[in-house]
Each structure stands twice: as structure tokens, then as C-alpha cells.
Amino acid sequence: MVDDGAESVAPLLEDFVYIEGVVVDYKGHSVTNRSKYGGWRSASFIIGVEIAERFAYIGISSNLITYLTGPLHQSTATAAQNVNVWD
């Protein structure tokens, strides 16, 4: 591949542009400062999203048991089996 000095967009990081060895975001700011853009700040966001996802999953599965045993008149064992299949 011949480098003619032009900007090229990374295929997986469309919001980032690679220019002369420096990665910048769409505003042109360098993203090499890990204390501002990466590290534990990013990790805490990922951990928070995973916790929220787990709470949502538990809430939906318990409501699904209630729905299957109530309006659909399934036994508790059949409803639990169906929720496990949904798992």
C-alpha cells in the first residue's frame, strides 16, 4: 500500500481518523491522553452498563414467569422451563 500523505479512515473506527501516527476523534482532538479518554473511566462505564443489563434481565425474566403463569395459565414448572429456553 502506498502512503501518499492523505488521510485514511480506519475501517472499524469510523469516528477516528489516522493522521501521521496520531489518532484523533471527529473534532480533531488527540485521543492519546488515557487519563481523559481511557483506562478506569471507560472501564467504569462498561461495568455500569453490564450491571444495568443484569438488572434488566432479572426483571424481565421474573415478569415473564408472572405472565406465563398468570394470563397464559401455564404451570410454574412449564413457565420456568420456557424462561430457561429463552435464556
PDB file of N, CA and C in Angstrom:
ATOM      1  N   MET A   1       0.842  -1.173   0.000  1.00  0.00           N
ATOM      2  CA  MET A   1       0.000   0.000   0.000  1.00  0.00           C
ATOM      3  C   MET A   1       0.891   1.241   0.000  1.00  0.00           C
ATOM      4  N   VAL A   2       0.633   2.155  -0.855  1.00  0.00           N
ATOM      5  CA  VAL A   2       1.423   3.364  -0.989  1.00  0.00           C
ATOM      6  C   VAL A   2       0.796   4.460  -0.142  1.00  0.00           C
ATOM      7  N   ASP A   3       1.625   5.100   0.700  1.00  0.00           N
ATOM      8  CA  ASP A   3       1.140   6.187   1.541  1.00  0.00           C
ATOM      9  C   ASP A   3       1.426   7.504   0.827  1.00  0.00           C
ATOM     10  N   ASP A   4       0.378   8.172   0.380  1.00  0.00           N
ATOM     11  CA  ASP A   4       0.550   9.433  -0.332  1.00  0.00           C
ATOM     12  C   ASP A   4       0.339  10.647   0.573  1.00  0.00           C
ATOM     13  N   GLY A   5       0.274  10.411   1.884  1.00  0.00           N
ATOM     14  CA  GLY A   5       0.119  11.507   2.833  1.00  0.00           C
ATOM     15  C   GLY A   5      -1.317  11.917   3.066  1.00  0.00           C
ATOM     16  N   ALA A   6      -2.259  11.287   2.405  1.00  0.00           N
ATOM     17  CA  ALA A   6      -3.668  11.645   2.564  1.00  0.00           C
ATOM     18  C   ALA A   6      -4.236  10.981   3.804  1.00  0.00           C
ATOM     19  N   GLU A   7      -5.310  11.546   4.322  1.00  0.00           N
ATOM     20  CA  GLU A   7      -5.994  10.960   5.463  1.00  0.00           C
ATOM     21  C   GLU A   7      -6.693   9.677   5.041  1.00  0.00           C
ATOM     22  N   SER A   8      -6.711   8.695   5.926  1.00  0.00           N
ATOM     23  CA  SER A   8      -7.459   7.480   5.654  1.00  0.00           C
ATOM     24  C   SER A   8      -8.284   7.142   6.882  1.00  0.00           C
ATOM     25  N   VAL A   9      -9.485   6.662   6.663  1.00  0.00           N
ATOM     26  CA  VAL A   9     -10.393   6.326   7.754  1.00  0.00           C
ATOM     27  C   VAL A   9     -10.207   4.864   8.101  1.00  0.00           C
ATOM     28  N   ALA A  10     -10.023   4.577   9.394  1.00  0.00           N
ATOM     29  CA  ALA A  10      -9.889   3.200   9.845  1.00  0.00           C
ATOM     30  C   ALA A  10     -11.215   2.486   9.635  1.00  0.00           C
ATOM     31  N   PRO A  11     -11.211   1.236   9.156  1.00  0.00           N
ATOM     32  CA  PRO A  11     -12.471   0.565   8.831  1.00  0.00           C
ATOM     33  C   PRO A  11     -13.362   0.291  10.040  1.00  0.00           C
ATOM     34  N   LEU A  12     -12.788   0.016  11.216  1.00  0.00           N
ATOM     35  CA  LEU A  12     -13.601  -0.313  12.382  1.00  0.00           C
ATOM     36  C   LEU A  12     -13.870   0.891  13.271  1.00  0.00           C
ATOM     37  N   LEU A  13     -13.106   1.950  13.095  1.00  0.00           N
ATOM     38  CA  LEU A  13     -13.260   3.132  13.934  1.00  0.00           C
ATOM     39  C   LEU A  13     -13.614   4.318  13.052  1.00  0.00           C
ATOM     40  N   GLU A  14     -14.849   4.387  12.608  1.00  0.00           N
ATOM     41  CA  GLU A  14     -15.245   5.403  11.653  1.00  0.00           C
ATOM     42  C   GLU A  14     -15.229   6.809  12.248  1.00  0.00           C
ATOM     43  N   ASP A  15     -15.321   6.950  13.582  1.00  0.00           N
ATOM     44  CA  ASP A  15     -15.293   8.268  14.201  1.00  0.00           C
ATOM     45  C   ASP A  15     -13.870   8.771  14.434  1.00  0.00           C
ATOM     46  N   PHE A  16     -12.876   7.936  14.175  1.00  0.00           N
ATOM     47  CA  PHE A  16     -11.491   8.302  14.385  1.00  0.00           C
ATOM     48  C   PHE A  16     -10.762   8.336  13.050  1.00  0.00           C
ATOM     49  N   VAL A  17      -9.838   9.253  12.924  1.00  0.00           N
ATOM     50  CA  VAL A  17      -9.065   9.394  11.697  1.00  0.00           C
ATOM     51  C   VAL A  17      -7.594   9.241  12.056  1.00  0.00           C
ATOM     52  N   TYR A  18      -6.845   8.505  11.252  1.00  0.00           N
ATOM     53  CA  TYR A  18      -5.427   8.282  11.488  1.00  0.00           C
ATOM     54  C   TYR A  18      -4.637   9.267  10.635  1.00  0.00           C
ATOM     55  N   ILE A  19      -3.904  10.173  11.279  1.00  0.00           N
ATOM     56  CA  ILE A  19      -3.125  11.177  10.564  1.00  0.00           C
ATOM     57  C   ILE A  19      -1.694  11.154  11.102  1.00  0.00           C
ATOM     58  N   GLU A  20      -0.743  10.786  10.284  1.00  0.00           N
ATOM     59  CA  GLU A  20       0.683  10.853  10.596  1.00  0.00           C
ATOM     60  C   GLU A  20       1.010  10.285  11.975  1.00  0.00           C
ATOM     61  N   GLY A  21       0.530   9.112  12.304  1.00  0.00           N
ATOM     62  CA  GLY A  21       0.878   8.447  13.551  1.00  0.00           C
ATOM     63  C   GLY A  21       0.099   8.897  14.768  1.00  0.00           C
ATOM     64  N   VAL A  22      -0.868   9.806  14.620  1.00  0.00           N
ATOM     65  CA  VAL A  22      -1.656  10.296  15.747  1.00  0.00           C
ATOM     66  C   VAL A  22      -3.114   9.960  15.482  1.00  0.00           C
ATOM     67  N   VAL A  23      -3.798   9.423  16.479  1.00  0.00           N
ATOM     68  CA  VAL A  23      -5.218   9.131  16.354  1.00  0.00           C
ATOM     69  C   VAL A  23      -5.984  10.307  16.931  1.00  0.00           C
ATOM     70  N   VAL A  24      -6.924  10.844  16.133  1.00  0.00           N
ATOM     71  CA  VAL A  24      -7.748  11.960  16.580  1.00  0.00           C
ATOM     72  C   VAL A  24      -9.211  11.586  16.437  1.00  0.00           C
ATOM     73  N   ASP A  25     -10.067  12.224  17.246  1.00  0.00           N
ATOM     74  CA  ASP A  25     -11.502  11.977  17.127  1.00  0.00           C
ATOM     75  C   ASP A  25     -12.093  12.871  16.052  1.00  0.00           C
ATOM     76  N   TYR A  26     -13.415  12.872  15.929  1.00  0.00           N
ATOM     77  CA  TYR A  26     -14.059  13.625  14.869  1.00  0.00           C
ATOM     78  C   TYR A  26     -13.902  15.137  15.028  1.00  0.00           C
ATOM     79  N   LYS A  27     -13.552  15.593  16.228  1.00  0.00           N
ATOM     80  CA  LYS A  27     -13.329  17.018  16.446  1.00  0.00           C
ATOM     81  C   LYS A  27     -11.869  17.417  16.207  1.00  0.00           C
ATOM     82  N   GLY A  28     -11.016  16.425  15.985  1.00  0.00           N
ATOM     83  CA  GLY A  28      -9.604  16.705  15.749  1.00  0.00           C
ATOM     84  C   GLY A  28      -8.756  16.683  16.996  1.00  0.00           C
ATOM     85  N   HIS A  29      -9.330  16.295  18.147  1.00  0.00           N
ATOM     86  CA  HIS A  29      -8.569  16.214  19.392  1.00  0.00           C
ATOM     87  C   HIS A  29      -7.827  14.893  19.472  1.00  0.00           C
ATOM     88  N   SER A  30      -6.619  14.920  19.990  1.00  0.00           N
ATOM     89  CA  SER A  30      -5.831  13.704  20.156  1.00  0.00           C
ATOM     90  C   SER A  30      -6.464  12.826  21.232  1.00  0.00           C
ATOM     91  N   VAL A  31      -6.467  11.518  21.015  1.00  0.00           N
ATOM     92  CA  VAL A  31      -7.034  10.595  21.998  1.00  0.00           C
ATOM     93  C   VAL A  31      -5.939   9.800  22.688  1.00  0.00           C
ATOM     94  N   THR A  32      -4.742  10.317  22.719  1.00  0.00           N
ATOM     95  CA  THR A  32      -3.638   9.622  23.363  1.00  0.00           C
ATOM     96  C   THR A  32      -3.588   9.858  24.864  1.00  0.00           C
ATOM     97  N   ASN A  33      -4.362  10.799  25.395  1.00  0.00           N
ATOM     98  CA  ASN A  33      -4.397  11.087  26.815  1.00  0.00           C
ATOM     99  C   ASN A  33      -5.306  10.068  27.499  1.00  0.00           C
ATOM    100  N   ARG A  34      -4.731   8.984  28.036  1.00  0.00           N
ATOM    101  CA  ARG A  34      -5.526   7.906  28.627  1.00  0.00           C
ATOM    102  C   ARG A  34      -6.249   8.326  29.890  1.00  0.00           C
ATOM    103  N   SER A  35      -5.725   9.306  30.617  1.00  0.00           N
ATOM    104  CA  SER A  35      -6.401   9.714  31.848  1.00  0.00           C
ATOM    105  C   SER A  35      -7.732  10.386  31.551  1.00  0.00           C
ATOM    106  N   LYS A  36      -7.894  10.928  30.348  1.00  0.00           N
ATOM    107  CA  LYS A  36      -9.137  11.589  29.995  1.00  0.00           C
ATOM    108  C   LYS A  36     -10.054  10.681  29.182  1.00  0.00           C
ATOM    109  N   TYR A  37      -9.518   9.826  28.313  1.00  0.00           N
ATOM    110  CA  TYR A  37     -10.323   9.071  27.378  1.00  0.00           C
ATOM    111  C   TYR A  37     -10.358   7.570  27.609  1.00  0.00           C
ATOM    112  N   GLY A  38      -9.525   7.032  28.459  1.00  0.00           N
ATOM    113  CA  GLY A  38      -9.487   5.583  28.588  1.00  0.00           C
ATOM    114  C   GLY A  38      -9.267   5.155  30.021  1.00  0.00           C
ATOM    115  N   GLY A  39      -8.760   3.953  30.175  1.00  0.00           N
ATOM    116  CA  GLY A  39      -8.442   3.434  31.493  1.00  0.00           C
ATOM    117  C   GLY A  39      -9.685   3.139  32.309  1.00  0.00           C
ATOM    118  N   TRP A  40      -9.615   3.499  33.608  1.00  0.00           N
ATOM    119  CA  TRP A  40     -10.709   3.179  34.523  1.00  0.00           C
ATOM    120  C   TRP A  40     -11.957   3.990  34.249  1.00  0.00           C
ATOM    121  N   ARG A  41     -11.820   5.146  33.626  1.00  0.00           N
ATOM    122  CA  ARG A  41     -13.015   5.929  33.303  1.00  0.00           C
ATOM    123  C   ARG A  41     -13.886   5.168  32.308  1.00  0.00           C
ATOM    124  N   SER A  42     -13.271   4.613  31.298  1.00  0.00           N
ATOM    125  CA  SER A  42     -14.017   3.802  30.329  1.00  0.00           C
ATOM    126  C   SER A  42     -14.474   2.489  30.943  1.00  0.00           C
ATOM    127  N   ALA A  43     -13.625   1.889  31.750  1.00  0.00           N
ATOM    128  CA  ALA A  43     -13.976   0.616  32.377  1.00  0.00           C
ATOM    129  C   ALA A  43     -15.177   0.776  33.306  1.00  0.00           C
ATOM    130  N   SER A  44     -15.258   1.889  34.031  1.00  0.00           N
ATOM    131  CA  SER A  44     -16.398   2.097  34.936  1.00  0.00           C
ATOM    132  C   SER A  44     -17.697   2.226  34.137  1.00  0.00           C
ATOM    133  N   PHE A  45     -17.637   2.838  32.960  1.00  0.00           N
ATOM    134  CA  PHE A  45     -18.823   2.923  32.108  1.00  0.00           C
ATOM    135  C   PHE A  45     -19.261   1.532  31.662  1.00  0.00           C
ATOM    136  N   ILE A  46     -18.323   0.696  31.248  1.00  0.00           N
ATOM    137  CA  ILE A  46     -18.639  -0.664  30.799  1.00  0.00           C
ATOM    138  C   ILE A  46     -19.216  -1.483  31.949  1.00  0.00           C
ATOM    139  N   ILE A  47     -18.624  -1.378  33.133  1.00  0.00           N
ATOM    140  CA  ILE A  47     -19.115  -2.115  34.299  1.00  0.00           C
ATOM    141  C   ILE A  47     -20.526  -1.655  34.662  1.00  0.00           C
ATOM    142  N   GLY A  48     -20.777  -0.346  34.609  1.00  0.00           N
ATOM    143  CA  GLY A  48     -22.117   0.178  34.902  1.00  0.00           C
ATOM    144  C   GLY A  48     -23.162  -0.327  33.917  1.00  0.00           C
ATOM    145  N   VAL A  49     -22.806  -0.395  32.641  1.00  0.00           N
ATOM    146  CA  VAL A  49     -23.734  -0.899  31.629  1.00  0.00           C
ATOM    147  C   VAL A  49     -24.015  -2.382  31.854  1.00  0.00           C
ATOM    148  N   GLU A  50     -23.008  -3.150  32.209  1.00  0.00           N
ATOM    149  CA  GLU A  50     -23.212  -4.579  32.470  1.00  0.00           C
ATOM    150  C   GLU A  50     -24.104  -4.801  33.688  1.00  0.00           C
ATOM    151  N   ILE A  51     -23.956  -3.987  34.724  1.00  0.00           N
ATOM    152  CA  ILE A  51     -24.820  -4.104  35.903  1.00  0.00           C
ATOM    153  C   ILE A  51     -26.269  -3.763  35.535  1.00  0.00           C
ATOM    154  N   ALA A  52     -26.457  -2.700  34.759  1.00  0.00           N
ATOM    155  CA  ALA A  52     -27.806  -2.331  34.321  1.00  0.00           C
ATOM    156  C   ALA A  52     -28.415  -3.426  33.456  1.00  0.00           C
ATOM    157  N   GLU A  53     -27.606  -4.044  32.612  1.00  0.00           N
ATOM    158  CA  GLU A  53     -28.099  -5.139  31.774  1.00  0.00           C
ATOM    159  C   GLU A  53     -28.549  -6.327  32.619  1.00  0.00           C
ATOM    160  N   ARG A  54     -27.798  -6.646  33.663  1.00  0.00           N
ATOM    161  CA  ARG A  54     -28.156  -7.768  34.539  1.00  0.00           C
ATOM    162  C   ARG A  54     -29.458  -7.483  35.273  1.00  0.00           C
ATOM    163  N   PHE A  55     -29.628  -6.248  35.783  1.00  0.00           N
ATOM    164  CA  PHE A  55     -30.886  -5.887  36.445  1.00  0.00           C
ATOM    165  C   PHE A  55     -32.057  -5.994  35.485  1.00  0.00           C
ATOM    166  N   ALA A  56     -31.876  -5.538  34.249  1.00  0.00           N
ATOM    167  CA  ALA A  56     -32.951  -5.622  33.262  1.00  0.00           C
ATOM    168  C   ALA A  56     -33.290  -7.072  32.951  1.00  0.00           C
ATOM    169  N   TYR A  57     -32.290  -7.924  32.829  1.00  0.00           N
ATOM    170  CA  TYR A  57     -32.523  -9.332  32.527  1.00  0.00           C
ATOM    171  C   TYR A  57     -33.303 -10.006  33.654  1.00  0.00           C
ATOM    172  N   ILE A  58     -32.895  -9.760  34.900  1.00  0.00           N
ATOM    173  CA  ILE A  58     -33.582 -10.371  36.040  1.00  0.00           C
ATOM    174  C   ILE A  58     -35.028  -9.877  36.114  1.00  0.00           C
ATOM    175  N   GLY A  59     -35.239  -8.585  35.874  1.00  0.00           N
ATOM    176  CA  GLY A  59     -36.598  -8.037  35.891  1.00  0.00           C
ATOM    177  C   GLY A  59     -37.479  -8.635  34.810  1.00  0.00           C
ATOM    178  N   ILE A  60     -36.945  -8.762  33.609  1.00  0.00           N
ATOM    179  CA  ILE A  60     -37.734  -9.328  32.512  1.00  0.00           C
ATOM    180  C   ILE A  60     -38.034 -10.796  32.763  1.00  0.00           C
ATOM    181  N   SER A  61     -37.057 -11.567  33.249  1.00  0.00           N
ATOM    182  CA  SER A  61     -37.303 -12.990  33.468  1.00  0.00           C
ATOM    183  C   SER A  61     -38.330 -13.221  34.572  1.00  0.00           C
ATOM    184  N   SER A  62     -38.297 -12.415  35.640  1.00  0.00           N
ATOM    185  CA  SER A  62     -39.304 -12.592  36.699  1.00  0.00           C
ATOM    186  C   SER A  62     -40.682 -12.154  36.209  1.00  0.00           C
ATOM    187  N   ASN A  63     -40.750 -11.098  35.435  1.00  0.00           N
ATOM    188  CA  ASN A  63     -42.040 -10.693  34.872  1.00  0.00           C
ATOM    189  C   ASN A  63     -42.539 -11.711  33.857  1.00  0.00           C
ATOM    190  N   LEU A  64     -41.641 -12.366  33.166  1.00  0.00           N
ATOM    191  CA  LEU A  64     -42.038 -13.391  32.201  1.00  0.00           C
ATOM    192  C   LEU A  64     -42.652 -14.592  32.922  1.00  0.00           C
ATOM    193  N   ILE A  65     -42.092 -14.975  34.065  1.00  0.00           N
ATOM    194  CA  ILE A  65     -42.682 -16.063  34.864  1.00  0.00           C
ATOM    195  C   ILE A  65     -44.098 -15.681  35.296  1.00  0.00           C
ATOM    196  N   THR A  66     -44.262 -14.459  35.762  1.00  0.00           N
ATOM    197  CA  THR A  66     -45.581 -13.998  36.195  1.00  0.00           C
ATOM    198  C   THR A  66     -46.576 -14.007  35.039  1.00  0.00           C
ATOM    199  N   TYR A  67     -46.138 -13.562  33.868  1.00  0.00           N
ATOM    200  CA  TYR A  67     -47.018 -13.532  32.702  1.00  0.00           C
ATOM    201  C   TYR A  67     -47.389 -14.943  32.245  1.00  0.00           C
ATOM    202  N   LEU A  68     -46.412 -15.847  32.232  1.00  0.00           N
ATOM    203  CA  LEU A  68     -46.691 -17.210  31.767  1.00  0.00           C
ATOM    204  C   LEU A  68     -47.609 -17.969  32.723  1.00  0.00           C
ATOM    205  N   THR A  69     -47.441 -17.749  34.027  1.00  0.00           N
ATOM    206  CA  THR A  69     -48.298 -18.452  34.992  1.00  0.00           C
ATOM    207  C   THR A  69     -49.651 -17.776  35.143  1.00  0.00           C
ATOM    208  N   GLY A  70     -49.725 -16.472  34.898  1.00  0.00           N
ATOM    209  CA  GLY A  70     -50.986 -15.743  35.048  1.00  0.00           C
ATOM    210  C   GLY A  70     -51.872 -15.838  33.818  1.00  0.00           C
ATOM    211  N   PRO A  71     -51.741 -14.904  32.882  1.00  0.00           N
ATOM    212  CA  PRO A  71     -52.638 -14.857  31.715  1.00  0.00           C
ATOM    213  C   PRO A  71     -52.553 -16.082  30.805  1.00  0.00           C
ATOM    214  N   LEU A  72     -51.398 -16.733  30.727  1.00  0.00           N
ATOM    215  CA  LEU A  72     -51.272 -17.897  29.838  1.00  0.00           C
ATOM    216  C   LEU A  72     -51.570 -19.222  30.539  1.00  0.00           C
ATOM    217  N   HIS A  73     -51.794 -19.187  31.852  1.00  0.00           N
ATOM    218  CA  HIS A  73     -52.214 -20.350  32.654  1.00  0.00           C
ATOM    219  C   HIS A  73     -51.275 -21.547  32.508  1.00  0.00           C
ATOM    220  N   GLN A  74     -49.976 -21.297  32.497  1.00  0.00           N
ATOM    221  CA  GLN A  74     -49.007 -22.395  32.498  1.00  0.00           C
ATOM    222  C   GLN A  74     -48.663 -22.745  33.937  1.00  0.00           C
ATOM    223  N   SER A  75     -48.232 -23.974  34.136  1.00  0.00           N
ATOM    224  CA  SER A  75     -47.776 -24.346  35.474  1.00  0.00           C
ATOM    225  C   SER A  75     -46.435 -23.658  35.737  1.00  0.00           C
ATOM    226  N   THR A  76     -46.068 -23.599  37.009  1.00  0.00           N
ATOM    227  CA  THR A  76     -44.809 -22.948  37.366  1.00  0.00           C
ATOM    228  C   THR A  76     -43.623 -23.672  36.738  1.00  0.00           C
ATOM    229  N   ALA A  77     -43.678 -25.009  36.715  1.00  0.00           N
ATOM    230  CA  ALA A  77     -42.590 -25.788  36.123  1.00  0.00           C
ATOM    231  C   ALA A  77     -42.465 -25.529  34.617  1.00  0.00           C
ATOM    232  N   THR A  78     -43.589 -25.473  33.917  1.00  0.00           N
ATOM    233  CA  THR A  78     -43.567 -25.212  32.472  1.00  0.00           C
ATOM    234  C   THR A  78     -43.101 -23.787  32.194  1.00  0.00           C
ATOM    235  N   ALA A  79     -43.563 -22.841  33.007  1.00  0.00           N
ATOM    236  CA  ALA A  79     -43.140 -21.453  32.831  1.00  0.00           C
ATOM    237  C   ALA A  79     -41.637 -21.313  33.063  1.00  0.00           C
ATOM    238  N   ALA A  80     -41.110 -21.978  34.102  1.00  0.00           N
ATOM    239  CA  ALA A  80     -39.670 -21.926  34.378  1.00  0.00           C
ATOM    240  C   ALA A  80     -38.887 -22.568  33.237  1.00  0.00           C
ATOM    241  N   GLN A  81     -39.410 -23.649  32.694  1.00  0.00           N
ATOM    242  CA  GLN A  81     -38.751 -24.308  31.567  1.00  0.00           C
ATOM    243  C   GLN A  81     -38.722 -23.370  30.358  1.00  0.00           C
ATOM    244  N   ASN A  82     -39.821 -22.700  30.082  1.00  0.00           N
ATOM    245  CA  ASN A  82     -39.874 -21.762  28.957  1.00  0.00           C
ATOM    246  C   ASN A  82     -38.934 -20.572  29.146  1.00  0.00           C
ATOM    247  N   VAL A  83     -38.820 -20.082  30.378  1.00  0.00           N
ATOM    248  CA  VAL A  83     -37.884 -18.996  30.640  1.00  0.00           C
ATOM    249  C   VAL A  83     -36.451 -19.479  30.454  1.00  0.00           C
ATOM    250  N   ASN A  84     -36.150 -20.699  30.853  1.00  0.00           N
ATOM    251  CA  ASN A  84     -34.808 -21.241  30.660  1.00  0.00           C
ATOM    252  C   ASN A  84     -34.493 -21.433  29.177  1.00  0.00           C
ATOM    253  N   VAL A  85     -35.497 -21.762  28.376  1.00  0.00           N
ATOM    254  CA  VAL A  85     -35.288 -21.860  26.930  1.00  0.00           C
ATOM    255  C   VAL A  85     -34.994 -20.472  26.380  1.00  0.00           C
ATOM    256  N   TRP A  86     -35.672 -19.444  26.903  1.00  0.00           N
ATOM    257  CA  TRP A  86     -35.447 -18.073  26.483  1.00  0.00           C
ATOM    258  C   TRP A  86     -34.060 -17.591  26.877  1.00  0.00           C
ATOM    259  N   ASP A  87     -33.530 -18.139  27.956  1.00  0.00           N
ATOM    260  CA  ASP A  87     -32.194 -17.813  28.446  1.00  0.00           C
ATOM    261  C   ASP A  87     -31.263 -17.892  27.339  1.00  0.00           C
TER     262      ASP A  87
END
